[in-house]
Amino acid sequence: MITAETRRRWSSEGKRAIVEEAARTTTSVSEVARRHGIASSLLFRWRREFADADRKQVPPPPAFIPVALPAPAGLPARQDRSSGRIEIELAGGRRIRVDAAVDVGVLKQIIDALEGQ
């Protein structure tokens, strides 16, 4: 004896469309569920599953990159520069603050390391 299956199968696209409709509507989530012939608890579960999946797709923040610089050979004679500070804002809102007398080559190595180049 063969029995018919009464459980419906929803594609991922179909589920997402119903979840997005529930997010856009001015009526209740239960009303959207009734319109599609599903239990509101199922719609809430789909919404939670899509939110969890979307959170997992966000890339993790970049890891800390240790920088090893060679020891200076000797202290160079200090040139007469202003003793001001320079603030550089990198991608992602990171900032580097350095003295105005910073060695440009060393600063470039630090920025390249932080930017992952």
PDB file of N, CA and C in Angstrom:
ATOM      1  N   MET A   1       0.831  -1.168   0.000  1.00  0.00           N
ATOM      2  CA  MET A   1       0.000   0.000   0.000  1.00  0.00           C
ATOM      3  C   MET A   1       0.892   1.253   0.000  1.00  0.00           C
ATOM      4  N   ILE A   2       0.642   2.152  -0.905  1.00  0.00           N
ATOM      5  CA  ILE A   2       1.417   3.385  -1.033  1.00  0.00           C
ATOM      6  C   ILE A   2       0.565   4.541  -0.525  1.00  0.00           C
ATOM      7  N   THR A   3       1.191   5.354   0.335  1.00  0.00           N
ATOM      8  CA  THR A   3       0.460   6.525   0.846  1.00  0.00           C
ATOM      9  C   THR A   3       1.090   7.787   0.283  1.00  0.00           C
ATOM     10  N   ALA A   4       0.275   8.765   0.082  1.00  0.00           N
ATOM     11  CA  ALA A   4       0.771  10.044  -0.445  1.00  0.00           C
ATOM     12  C   ALA A   4       1.398  10.844   0.691  1.00  0.00           C
ATOM     13  N   GLU A   5       2.450  11.541   0.352  1.00  0.00           N
ATOM     14  CA  GLU A   5       3.115  12.381   1.353  1.00  0.00           C
ATOM     15  C   GLU A   5       2.428  13.742   1.373  1.00  0.00           C
ATOM     16  N   THR A   6       2.105  14.207   2.558  1.00  0.00           N
ATOM     17  CA  THR A   6       1.417  15.495   2.669  1.00  0.00           C
ATOM     18  C   THR A   6       2.375  16.624   3.025  1.00  0.00           C
ATOM     19  N   ARG A   7       3.590  16.294   3.364  1.00  0.00           N
ATOM     20  CA  ARG A   7       4.570  17.326   3.707  1.00  0.00           C
ATOM     21  C   ARG A   7       5.066  18.003   2.437  1.00  0.00           C
ATOM     22  N   ARG A   8       5.023  19.337   2.448  1.00  0.00           N
ATOM     23  CA  ARG A   8       5.520  20.079   1.297  1.00  0.00           C
ATOM     24  C   ARG A   8       7.017  20.300   1.435  1.00  0.00           C
ATOM     25  N   ARG A   9       7.676  20.404   0.314  1.00  0.00           N
ATOM     26  CA  ARG A   9       9.112  20.693   0.278  1.00  0.00           C
ATOM     27  C   ARG A   9       9.268  22.125  -0.230  1.00  0.00           C
ATOM     28  N   TRP A  10      10.006  22.945   0.495  1.00  0.00           N
ATOM     29  CA  TRP A  10      10.236  24.334   0.102  1.00  0.00           C
ATOM     30  C   TRP A  10      11.687  24.481  -0.335  1.00  0.00           C
ATOM     31  N   SER A  11      11.874  25.114  -1.470  1.00  0.00           N
ATOM     32  CA  SER A  11      13.241  25.389  -1.916  1.00  0.00           C
ATOM     33  C   SER A  11      13.809  26.509  -1.046  1.00  0.00           C
ATOM     34  N   SER A  12      15.120  26.614  -1.045  1.00  0.00           N
ATOM     35  CA  SER A  12      15.770  27.675  -0.281  1.00  0.00           C
ATOM     36  C   SER A  12      15.323  29.045  -0.787  1.00  0.00           C
ATOM     37  N   GLU A  13      15.178  29.175  -2.101  1.00  0.00           N
ATOM     38  CA  GLU A  13      14.737  30.449  -2.674  1.00  0.00           C
ATOM     39  C   GLU A  13      13.304  30.772  -2.244  1.00  0.00           C
ATOM     40  N   GLY A  14      12.451  29.757  -2.222  1.00  0.00           N
ATOM     41  CA  GLY A  14      11.069  29.957  -1.794  1.00  0.00           C
ATOM     42  C   GLY A  14      10.986  30.377  -0.334  1.00  0.00           C
ATOM     43  N   LYS A  15      11.779  29.715   0.503  1.00  0.00           N
ATOM     44  CA  LYS A  15      11.808  30.080   1.927  1.00  0.00           C
ATOM     45  C   LYS A  15      12.275  31.520   2.099  1.00  0.00           C
ATOM     46  N   ARG A  16      13.373  31.855   1.404  1.00  0.00           N
ATOM     47  CA  ARG A  16      13.926  33.214   1.545  1.00  0.00           C
ATOM     48  C   ARG A  16      12.923  34.262   1.066  1.00  0.00           C
ATOM     49  N   ALA A  17      12.185  33.970   0.002  1.00  0.00           N
ATOM     50  CA  ALA A  17      11.189  34.918  -0.512  1.00  0.00           C
ATOM     51  C   ALA A  17      10.101  35.171   0.532  1.00  0.00           C
ATOM     52  N   ILE A  18       9.658  34.116   1.202  1.00  0.00           N
ATOM     53  CA  ILE A  18       8.619  34.274   2.230  1.00  0.00           C
ATOM     54  C   ILE A  18       9.176  35.035   3.432  1.00  0.00           C
ATOM     55  N   VAL A  19      10.418  34.732   3.829  1.00  0.00           N
ATOM     56  CA  VAL A  19      11.052  35.433   4.951  1.00  0.00           C
ATOM     57  C   VAL A  19      11.212  36.915   4.614  1.00  0.00           C
ATOM     58  N   GLU A  20      11.629  37.228   3.394  1.00  0.00           N
ATOM     59  CA  GLU A  20      11.790  38.630   2.995  1.00  0.00           C
ATOM     60  C   GLU A  20      10.446  39.345   2.932  1.00  0.00           C
ATOM     61  N   GLU A  21       9.407  38.638   2.492  1.00  0.00           N
ATOM     62  CA  GLU A  21       8.064  39.222   2.476  1.00  0.00           C
ATOM     63  C   GLU A  21       7.624  39.566   3.895  1.00  0.00           C
ATOM     64  N   ALA A  22       7.895  38.673   4.833  1.00  0.00           N
ATOM     65  CA  ALA A  22       7.524  38.920   6.233  1.00  0.00           C
ATOM     66  C   ALA A  22       8.284  40.121   6.793  1.00  0.00           C
ATOM     67  N   ALA A  23       9.516  40.331   6.335  1.00  0.00           N
ATOM     68  CA  ALA A  23      10.303  41.465   6.817  1.00  0.00           C
ATOM     69  C   ALA A  23       9.796  42.779   6.230  1.00  0.00           C
ATOM     70  N   ARG A  24       9.274  42.738   5.009  1.00  0.00           N
ATOM     71  CA  ARG A  24       8.821  43.960   4.325  1.00  0.00           C
ATOM     72  C   ARG A  24       7.398  44.369   4.697  1.00  0.00           C
ATOM     73  N   THR A  25       6.591  43.441   5.097  1.00  0.00           N
ATOM     74  CA  THR A  25       5.172  43.699   5.259  1.00  0.00           C
ATOM     75  C   THR A  25       4.864  44.565   6.479  1.00  0.00           C
ATOM     76  N   THR A  26       3.746  45.239   6.417  1.00  0.00           N
ATOM     77  CA  THR A  26       3.295  46.023   7.572  1.00  0.00           C
ATOM     78  C   THR A  26       2.336  45.206   8.429  1.00  0.00           C
ATOM     79  N   THR A  27       1.949  44.033   7.937  1.00  0.00           N
ATOM     80  CA  THR A  27       1.081  43.150   8.738  1.00  0.00           C
ATOM     81  C   THR A  27       1.959  42.245   9.603  1.00  0.00           C
ATOM     82  N   SER A  28       1.347  41.346  10.317  1.00  0.00           N
ATOM     83  CA  SER A  28       2.088  40.462  11.217  1.00  0.00           C
ATOM     84  C   SER A  28       2.732  39.307  10.450  1.00  0.00           C
ATOM     85  N   VAL A  29       3.723  38.714  11.087  1.00  0.00           N
ATOM     86  CA  VAL A  29       4.391  37.544  10.519  1.00  0.00           C
ATOM     87  C   VAL A  29       3.386  36.403  10.399  1.00  0.00           C
ATOM     88  N   SER A  30       2.486  36.295  11.355  1.00  0.00           N
ATOM     89  CA  SER A  30       1.465  35.241  11.315  1.00  0.00           C
ATOM     90  C   SER A  30       0.581  35.375  10.085  1.00  0.00           C
ATOM     91  N   GLU A  31       0.268  36.613   9.695  1.00  0.00           N
ATOM     92  CA  GLU A  31      -0.557  36.837   8.512  1.00  0.00           C
ATOM     93  C   GLU A  31       0.167  36.362   7.247  1.00  0.00           C
ATOM     94  N   VAL A  32       1.451  36.627   7.152  1.00  0.00           N
ATOM     95  CA  VAL A  32       2.237  36.166   6.000  1.00  0.00           C
ATOM     96  C   VAL A  32       2.260  34.640   5.989  1.00  0.00           C
ATOM     97  N   ALA A  33       2.451  34.036   7.143  1.00  0.00           N
ATOM     98  CA  ALA A  33       2.469  32.570   7.231  1.00  0.00           C
ATOM     99  C   ALA A  33       1.134  31.985   6.773  1.00  0.00           C
ATOM    100  N   ARG A  34       0.028  32.569   7.224  1.00  0.00           N
ATOM    101  CA  ARG A  34      -1.307  32.078   6.814  1.00  0.00           C
ATOM    102  C   ARG A  34      -1.484  32.200   5.304  1.00  0.00           C
ATOM    103  N   ARG A  35      -1.014  33.310   4.738  1.00  0.00           N
ATOM    104  CA  ARG A  35      -1.154  33.512   3.290  1.00  0.00           C
ATOM    105  C   ARG A  35      -0.466  32.401   2.501  1.00  0.00           C
ATOM    106  N   HIS A  36       0.631  31.877   3.051  1.00  0.00           N
ATOM    107  CA  HIS A  36       1.381  30.836   2.350  1.00  0.00           C
ATOM    108  C   HIS A  36       1.047  29.432   2.850  1.00  0.00           C
ATOM    109  N   GLY A  37       0.123  29.334   3.779  1.00  0.00           N
ATOM    110  CA  GLY A  37      -0.321  28.026   4.265  1.00  0.00           C
ATOM    111  C   GLY A  37       0.699  27.312   5.131  1.00  0.00           C
ATOM    112  N   ILE A  38       1.477  28.074   5.894  1.00  0.00           N
ATOM    113  CA  ILE A  38       2.455  27.456   6.791  1.00  0.00           C
ATOM    114  C   ILE A  38       2.231  27.968   8.209  1.00  0.00           C
ATOM    115  N   ALA A  39       2.755  27.246   9.157  1.00  0.00           N
ATOM    116  CA  ALA A  39       2.649  27.665  10.558  1.00  0.00           C
ATOM    117  C   ALA A  39       3.602  28.835  10.798  1.00  0.00           C
ATOM    118  N   SER A  40       3.178  29.760  11.642  1.00  0.00           N
ATOM    119  CA  SER A  40       4.033  30.919  11.920  1.00  0.00           C
ATOM    120  C   SER A  40       5.339  30.487  12.585  1.00  0.00           C
ATOM    121  N   SER A  41       5.297  29.396  13.366  1.00  0.00           N
ATOM    122  CA  SER A  41       6.527  28.920  14.001  1.00  0.00           C
ATOM    123  C   SER A  41       7.556  28.475  12.952  1.00  0.00           C
ATOM    124  N   LEU A  42       7.069  27.917  11.830  1.00  0.00           N
ATOM    125  CA  LEU A  42       7.971  27.514  10.757  1.00  0.00           C
ATOM    126  C   LEU A  42       8.608  28.741  10.111  1.00  0.00           C
ATOM    127  N   LEU A  43       7.830  29.788   9.921  1.00  0.00           N
ATOM    128  CA  LEU A  43       8.364  31.025   9.351  1.00  0.00           C
ATOM    129  C   LEU A  43       9.404  31.649  10.279  1.00  0.00           C
ATOM    130  N   PHE A  44       9.131  31.631  11.586  1.00  0.00           N
ATOM    131  CA  PHE A  44      10.111  32.143  12.543  1.00  0.00           C
ATOM    132  C   PHE A  44      11.397  31.310  12.513  1.00  0.00           C
ATOM    133  N   ARG A  45      11.270  29.988  12.364  1.00  0.00           N
ATOM    134  CA  ARG A  45      12.448  29.123  12.287  1.00  0.00           C
ATOM    135  C   ARG A  45      13.265  29.436  11.040  1.00  0.00           C
ATOM    136  N   TRP A  46      12.597  29.602   9.875  1.00  0.00           N
ATOM    137  CA  TRP A  46      13.306  29.942   8.645  1.00  0.00           C
ATOM    138  C   TRP A  46      14.034  31.273   8.799  1.00  0.00           C
ATOM    139  N   ARG A  47      13.376  32.234   9.417  1.00  0.00           N
ATOM    140  CA  ARG A  47      13.982  33.547   9.605  1.00  0.00           C
ATOM    141  C   ARG A  47      15.256  33.440  10.448  1.00  0.00           C
ATOM    142  N   ARG A  48      15.182  32.636  11.516  1.00  0.00           N
ATOM    143  CA  ARG A  48      16.355  32.435  12.382  1.00  0.00           C
ATOM    144  C   ARG A  48      17.467  31.706  11.620  1.00  0.00           C
ATOM    145  N   GLU A  49      17.124  30.685  10.830  1.00  0.00           N
ATOM    146  CA  GLU A  49      18.119  29.934  10.064  1.00  0.00           C
ATOM    147  C   GLU A  49      18.829  30.828   9.043  1.00  0.00           C
ATOM    148  N   PHE A  50      18.080  31.685   8.345  1.00  0.00           N
ATOM    149  CA  PHE A  50      18.704  32.582   7.369  1.00  0.00           C
ATOM    150  C   PHE A  50      19.576  33.616   8.068  1.00  0.00           C
ATOM    151  N   ALA A  51      19.146  34.104   9.215  1.00  0.00           N
ATOM    152  CA  ALA A  51      19.958  35.077   9.962  1.00  0.00           C
ATOM    153  C   ALA A  51      21.264  34.424  10.406  1.00  0.00           C
ATOM    154  N   ASP A  52      21.187  33.173  10.888  1.00  0.00           N
ATOM    155  CA  ASP A  52      22.404  32.458  11.310  1.00  0.00           C
ATOM    156  C   ASP A  52      23.336  32.233  10.118  1.00  0.00           C
ATOM    157  N   ALA A  53      22.773  31.836   8.982  1.00  0.00           N
ATOM    158  CA  ALA A  53      23.582  31.583   7.785  1.00  0.00           C
ATOM    159  C   ALA A  53      24.229  32.877   7.288  1.00  0.00           C
ATOM    160  N   ASP A  54      23.487  33.987   7.334  1.00  0.00           N
ATOM    161  CA  ASP A  54      24.042  35.272   6.891  1.00  0.00           C
ATOM    162  C   ASP A  54      25.178  35.713   7.804  1.00  0.00           C
ATOM    163  N   ARG A  55      25.055  35.456   9.110  1.00  0.00           N
ATOM    164  CA  ARG A  55      26.111  35.825  10.051  1.00  0.00           C
ATOM    165  C   ARG A  55      27.386  35.026   9.785  1.00  0.00           C
ATOM    166  N   LYS A  56      27.225  33.760   9.386  1.00  0.00           N
ATOM    167  CA  LYS A  56      28.390  32.907   9.130  1.00  0.00           C
ATOM    168  C   LYS A  56      29.134  33.329   7.871  1.00  0.00           C
ATOM    169  N   GLN A  57      28.447  34.018   6.930  1.00  0.00           N
ATOM    170  CA  GLN A  57      29.082  34.409   5.677  1.00  0.00           C
ATOM    171  C   GLN A  57      29.925  35.670   5.826  1.00  0.00           C
ATOM    172  N   VAL A  58      29.773  36.400   6.921  1.00  0.00           N
ATOM    173  CA  VAL A  58      30.568  37.608   7.134  1.00  0.00           C
ATOM    174  C   VAL A  58      31.998  37.179   7.434  1.00  0.00           C
ATOM    175  N   PRO A  59      32.967  37.689   6.677  1.00  0.00           N
ATOM    176  CA  PRO A  59      34.353  37.266   6.911  1.00  0.00           C
ATOM    177  C   PRO A  59      34.847  37.755   8.275  1.00  0.00           C
ATOM    178  N   PRO A  60      35.672  36.957   8.923  1.00  0.00           N
ATOM    179  CA  PRO A  60      36.199  37.374  10.224  1.00  0.00           C
ATOM    180  C   PRO A  60      37.137  38.563  10.057  1.00  0.00           C
ATOM    181  N   PRO A  61      37.300  39.354  11.099  1.00  0.00           N
ATOM    182  CA  PRO A  61      38.226  40.483  10.973  1.00  0.00           C
ATOM    183  C   PRO A  61      39.643  39.983  10.753  1.00  0.00           C
ATOM    184  N   PRO A  62      40.481  40.797  10.131  1.00  0.00           N
ATOM    185  CA  PRO A  62      41.846  40.342   9.863  1.00  0.00           C
ATOM    186  C   PRO A  62      42.587  40.033  11.154  1.00  0.00           C
ATOM    187  N   ALA A  63      43.425  39.043  11.086  1.00  0.00           N
ATOM    188  CA  ALA A  63      44.190  38.621  12.259  1.00  0.00           C
ATOM    189  C   ALA A  63      45.335  39.593  12.511  1.00  0.00           C
ATOM    190  N   PHE A  64      45.844  39.593  13.709  1.00  0.00           N
ATOM    191  CA  PHE A  64      46.982  40.420  14.072  1.00  0.00           C
ATOM    192  C   PHE A  64      48.201  39.921  13.311  1.00  0.00           C
ATOM    193  N   ILE A  65      48.958  40.845  12.761  1.00  0.00           N
ATOM    194  CA  ILE A  65      50.150  40.495  12.003  1.00  0.00           C
ATOM    195  C   ILE A  65      51.361  40.984  12.783  1.00  0.00           C
ATOM    196  N   PRO A  66      52.172  40.076  13.315  1.00  0.00           N
ATOM    197  CA  PRO A  66      53.366  40.541  14.026  1.00  0.00           C
ATOM    198  C   PRO A  66      54.391  41.095  13.034  1.00  0.00           C
ATOM    199  N   VAL A  67      55.040  42.150  13.424  1.00  0.00           N
ATOM    200  CA  VAL A  67      56.031  42.788  12.562  1.00  0.00           C
ATOM    201  C   VAL A  67      57.373  42.751  13.265  1.00  0.00           C
ATOM    202  N   ALA A  68      58.375  42.237  12.575  1.00  0.00           N
ATOM    203  CA  ALA A  68      59.734  42.210  13.120  1.00  0.00           C
ATOM    204  C   ALA A  68      60.584  43.137  12.263  1.00  0.00           C
ATOM    205  N   LEU A  69      61.070  44.194  12.881  1.00  0.00           N
ATOM    206  CA  LEU A  69      61.906  45.146  12.175  1.00  0.00           C
ATOM    207  C   LEU A  69      63.348  44.958  12.619  1.00  0.00           C
ATOM    208  N   PRO A  70      64.302  45.179  11.709  1.00  0.00           N
ATOM    209  CA  PRO A  70      65.700  45.045  12.105  1.00  0.00           C
ATOM    210  C   PRO A  70      66.074  46.151  13.101  1.00  0.00           C
ATOM    211  N   ALA A  71      66.995  45.812  13.987  1.00  0.00           N
ATOM    212  CA  ALA A  71      67.460  46.806  14.958  1.00  0.00           C
ATOM    213  C   ALA A  71      68.213  47.898  14.227  1.00  0.00           C
ATOM    214  N   PRO A  72      68.053  49.140  14.658  1.00  0.00           N
ATOM    215  CA  PRO A  72      68.762  50.221  13.982  1.00  0.00           C
ATOM    216  C   PRO A  72      70.268  50.071  14.169  1.00  0.00           C
ATOM    217  N   ALA A  73      71.028  50.371  13.114  1.00  0.00           N
ATOM    218  CA  ALA A  73      72.480  50.239  13.157  1.00  0.00           C
ATOM    219  C   ALA A  73      73.085  51.276  14.097  1.00  0.00           C
ATOM    220  N   GLY A  74      72.526  52.388  14.143  1.00  0.00           N
ATOM    221  CA  GLY A  74      73.009  53.457  15.009  1.00  0.00           C
ATOM    222  C   GLY A  74      72.019  54.598  14.937  1.00  0.00           C
ATOM    223  N   LEU A  75      72.034  55.451  15.903  1.00  0.00           N
ATOM    224  CA  LEU A  75      71.114  56.561  15.869  1.00  0.00           C
ATOM    225  C   LEU A  75      71.636  57.625  14.921  1.00  0.00           C
ATOM    226  N   PRO A  76      70.858  57.964  13.899  1.00  0.00           N
ATOM    227  CA  PRO A  76      71.295  59.005  12.982  1.00  0.00           C
ATOM    228  C   PRO A  76      71.206  60.365  13.675  1.00  0.00           C
ATOM    229  N   ALA A  77      71.998  61.288  13.165  1.00  0.00           N
ATOM    230  CA  ALA A  77      71.932  62.644  13.718  1.00  0.00           C
ATOM    231  C   ALA A  77      70.537  63.186  13.460  1.00  0.00           C
ATOM    232  N   ARG A  78      69.934  63.701  14.500  1.00  0.00           N
ATOM    233  CA  ARG A  78      68.557  64.191  14.381  1.00  0.00           C
ATOM    234  C   ARG A  78      68.543  65.464  13.548  1.00  0.00           C
ATOM    235  N   GLN A  79      67.689  65.407  12.525  1.00  0.00           N
ATOM    236  CA  GLN A  79      67.535  66.594  11.695  1.00  0.00           C
ATOM    237  C   GLN A  79      66.585  67.546  12.393  1.00  0.00           C
ATOM    238  N   ASP A  80      66.651  68.776  12.058  1.00  0.00           N
ATOM    239  CA  ASP A  80      65.798  69.772  12.695  1.00  0.00           C
ATOM    240  C   ASP A  80      64.406  69.700  12.064  1.00  0.00           C
ATOM    241  N   ARG A  81      63.567  68.865  12.616  1.00  0.00           N
ATOM    242  CA  ARG A  81      62.183  68.731  12.148  1.00  0.00           C
ATOM    243  C   ARG A  81      61.265  69.136  13.275  1.00  0.00           C
ATOM    244  N   SER A  82      60.063  69.466  12.913  1.00  0.00           N
ATOM    245  CA  SER A  82      59.108  69.805  13.967  1.00  0.00           C
ATOM    246  C   SER A  82      58.796  68.545  14.760  1.00  0.00           C
ATOM    247  N   SER A  83      58.434  68.710  16.001  1.00  0.00           N
ATOM    248  CA  SER A  83      58.165  67.540  16.839  1.00  0.00           C
ATOM    249  C   SER A  83      56.685  67.182  16.812  1.00  0.00           C
ATOM    250  N   GLY A  84      56.018  67.485  15.720  1.00  0.00           N
ATOM    251  CA  GLY A  84      54.597  67.190  15.607  1.00  0.00           C
ATOM    252  C   GLY A  84      54.334  65.708  15.401  1.00  0.00           C
ATOM    253  N   ARG A  85      53.081  65.369  15.386  1.00  0.00           N
ATOM    254  CA  ARG A  85      52.658  63.988  15.160  1.00  0.00           C
ATOM    255  C   ARG A  85      51.895  63.920  13.850  1.00  0.00           C
ATOM    256  N   ILE A  86      51.950  62.740  13.237  1.00  0.00           N
ATOM    257  CA  ILE A  86      51.199  62.467  12.014  1.00  0.00           C
ATOM    258  C   ILE A  86      50.226  61.348  12.330  1.00  0.00           C
ATOM    259  N   GLU A  87      48.990  61.504  11.909  1.00  0.00           N
ATOM    260  CA  GLU A  87      47.983  60.456  12.091  1.00  0.00           C
ATOM    261  C   GLU A  87      47.546  60.003  10.713  1.00  0.00           C
ATOM    262  N   ILE A  88      47.636  58.692  10.470  1.00  0.00           N
ATOM    263  CA  ILE A  88      47.278  58.111   9.183  1.00  0.00           C
ATOM    264  C   ILE A  88      46.122  57.168   9.417  1.00  0.00           C
ATOM    265  N   GLU A  89      45.022  57.363   8.661  1.00  0.00           N
ATOM    266  CA  GLU A  89      43.870  56.477   8.784  1.00  0.00           C
ATOM    267  C   GLU A  89      43.909  55.476   7.640  1.00  0.00           C
ATOM    268  N   LEU A  90      43.903  54.191   7.995  1.00  0.00           N
ATOM    269  CA  LEU A  90      43.961  53.108   7.014  1.00  0.00           C
ATOM    270  C   LEU A  90      42.556  52.602   6.729  1.00  0.00           C
ATOM    271  N   ALA A  91      42.452  51.723   5.765  1.00  0.00           N
ATOM    272  CA  ALA A  91      41.171  51.100   5.443  1.00  0.00           C
ATOM    273  C   ALA A  91      40.633  50.399   6.674  1.00  0.00           C
ATOM    274  N   GLY A  92      39.336  50.426   6.828  1.00  0.00           N
ATOM    275  CA  GLY A  92      38.713  49.762   7.971  1.00  0.00           C
ATOM    276  C   GLY A  92      38.735  50.621   9.225  1.00  0.00           C
ATOM    277  N   GLY A  93      39.151  51.884   9.116  1.00  0.00           N
ATOM    278  CA  GLY A  93      39.126  52.776  10.253  1.00  0.00           C
ATOM    279  C   GLY A  93      40.315  52.671  11.190  1.00  0.00           C
ATOM    280  N   ARG A  94      41.303  51.835  10.863  1.00  0.00           N
ATOM    281  CA  ARG A  94      42.496  51.727  11.713  1.00  0.00           C
ATOM    282  C   ARG A  94      43.346  52.974  11.554  1.00  0.00           C
ATOM    283  N   ARG A  95      43.993  53.391  12.643  1.00  0.00           N
ATOM    284  CA  ARG A  95      44.812  54.605  12.620  1.00  0.00           C
ATOM    285  C   ARG A  95      46.211  54.303  13.113  1.00  0.00           C
ATOM    286  N   ILE A  96      47.171  54.986  12.521  1.00  0.00           N
ATOM    287  CA  ILE A  96      48.562  54.914  12.962  1.00  0.00           C
ATOM    288  C   ILE A  96      48.961  56.338  13.327  1.00  0.00           C
ATOM    289  N   ARG A  97      49.521  56.503  14.512  1.00  0.00           N
ATOM    290  CA  ARG A  97      50.037  57.810  14.927  1.00  0.00           C
ATOM    291  C   ARG A  97      51.543  57.683  15.083  1.00  0.00           C
ATOM    292  N   VAL A  98      52.265  58.547  14.391  1.00  0.00           N
ATOM    293  CA  VAL A  98      53.727  58.501  14.439  1.00  0.00           C
ATOM    294  C   VAL A  98      54.264  59.907  14.632  1.00  0.00           C
ATOM    295  N   ASP A  99      55.504  59.973  15.083  1.00  0.00           N
ATOM    296  CA  ASP A  99      56.204  61.240  15.218  1.00  0.00           C
ATOM    297  C   ASP A  99      56.538  61.751  13.823  1.00  0.00           C
ATOM    298  N   ALA A 100      56.593  63.041  13.653  1.00  0.00           N
ATOM    299  CA  ALA A 100      56.871  63.629  12.343  1.00  0.00           C
ATOM    300  C   ALA A 100      58.249  63.234  11.829  1.00  0.00           C
ATOM    301  N   ALA A 101      59.147  62.828  12.713  1.00  0.00           N
ATOM    302  CA  ALA A 101      60.502  62.464  12.303  1.00  0.00           C
ATOM    303  C   ALA A 101      60.636  60.982  11.971  1.00  0.00           C
ATOM    304  N   VAL A 102      59.523  60.289  11.768  1.00  0.00           N
ATOM    305  CA  VAL A 102      59.570  58.860  11.497  1.00  0.00           C
ATOM    306  C   VAL A 102      60.298  58.594  10.182  1.00  0.00           C
ATOM    307  N   ASP A 103      61.023  57.480  10.150  1.00  0.00           N
ATOM    308  CA  ASP A 103      61.704  57.067   8.926  1.00  0.00           C
ATOM    309  C   ASP A 103      60.654  56.601   7.924  1.00  0.00           C
ATOM    310  N   VAL A 104      60.642  57.188   6.744  1.00  0.00           N
ATOM    311  CA  VAL A 104      59.613  56.900   5.745  1.00  0.00           C
ATOM    312  C   VAL A 104      59.645  55.434   5.310  1.00  0.00           C
ATOM    313  N   GLY A 105      60.821  54.858   5.183  1.00  0.00           N
ATOM    314  CA  GLY A 105      60.929  53.452   4.776  1.00  0.00           C
ATOM    315  C   GLY A 105      60.312  52.510   5.795  1.00  0.00           C
ATOM    316  N   VAL A 106      60.573  52.770   7.075  1.00  0.00           N
ATOM    317  CA  VAL A 106      60.009  51.932   8.132  1.00  0.00           C
ATOM    318  C   VAL A 106      58.494  52.104   8.183  1.00  0.00           C
ATOM    319  N   LEU A 107      58.024  53.347   8.031  1.00  0.00           N
ATOM    320  CA  LEU A 107      56.587  53.597   8.031  1.00  0.00           C
ATOM    321  C   LEU A 107      55.909  52.863   6.887  1.00  0.00           C
ATOM    322  N   LYS A 108      56.530  52.855   5.704  1.00  0.00           N
ATOM    323  CA  LYS A 108      55.964  52.134   4.557  1.00  0.00           C
ATOM    324  C   LYS A 108      55.885  50.641   4.841  1.00  0.00           C
ATOM    325  N   GLN A 109      56.905  50.059   5.479  1.00  0.00           N
ATOM    326  CA  GLN A 109      56.878  48.634   5.815  1.00  0.00           C
ATOM    327  C   GLN A 109      55.747  48.325   6.793  1.00  0.00           C
ATOM    328  N   ILE A 110      55.542  49.188   7.753  1.00  0.00           N
ATOM    329  CA  ILE A 110      54.466  48.972   8.746  1.00  0.00           C
ATOM    330  C   ILE A 110      53.104  49.027   8.049  1.00  0.00           C
ATOM    331  N   ILE A 111      52.909  50.054   7.225  1.00  0.00           N
ATOM    332  CA  ILE A 111      51.620  50.187   6.535  1.00  0.00           C
ATOM    333  C   ILE A 111      51.378  48.999   5.607  1.00  0.00           C
ATOM    334  N   ASP A 112      52.408  48.591   4.859  1.00  0.00           N
ATOM    335  CA  ASP A 112      52.268  47.427   3.964  1.00  0.00           C
ATOM    336  C   ASP A 112      51.904  46.174   4.753  1.00  0.00           C
ATOM    337  N   ALA A 113      52.520  45.976   5.913  1.00  0.00           N
ATOM    338  CA  ALA A 113      52.220  44.800   6.730  1.00  0.00           C
ATOM    339  C   ALA A 113      50.791  44.848   7.251  1.00  0.00           C
ATOM    340  N   LEU A 114      50.343  46.017   7.677  1.00  0.00           N
ATOM    341  CA  LEU A 114      48.981  46.139   8.194  1.00  0.00           C
ATOM    342  C   LEU A 114      47.944  45.993   7.106  1.00  0.00           C
ATOM    343  N   GLU A 115      48.262  46.431   5.916  1.00  0.00           N
ATOM    344  CA  GLU A 115      47.333  46.335   4.803  1.00  0.00           C
ATOM    345  C   GLU A 115      47.389  44.976   4.118  1.00  0.00           C
ATOM    346  N   GLY A 116      48.310  44.110   4.532  1.00  0.00           N
ATOM    347  CA  GLY A 116      48.392  42.758   3.992  1.00  0.00           C
ATOM    348  C   GLY A 116      49.029  42.693   2.617  1.00  0.00           C
ATOM    349  N   GLN A 117      49.980  43.561   2.338  1.00  0.00           N
ATOM    350  CA  GLN A 117      50.634  43.554   1.028  1.00  0.00           C
ATOM    351  C   GLN A 117      51.994  42.935   1.107  1.00  0.00           C
TER     352      GLN A 117
END
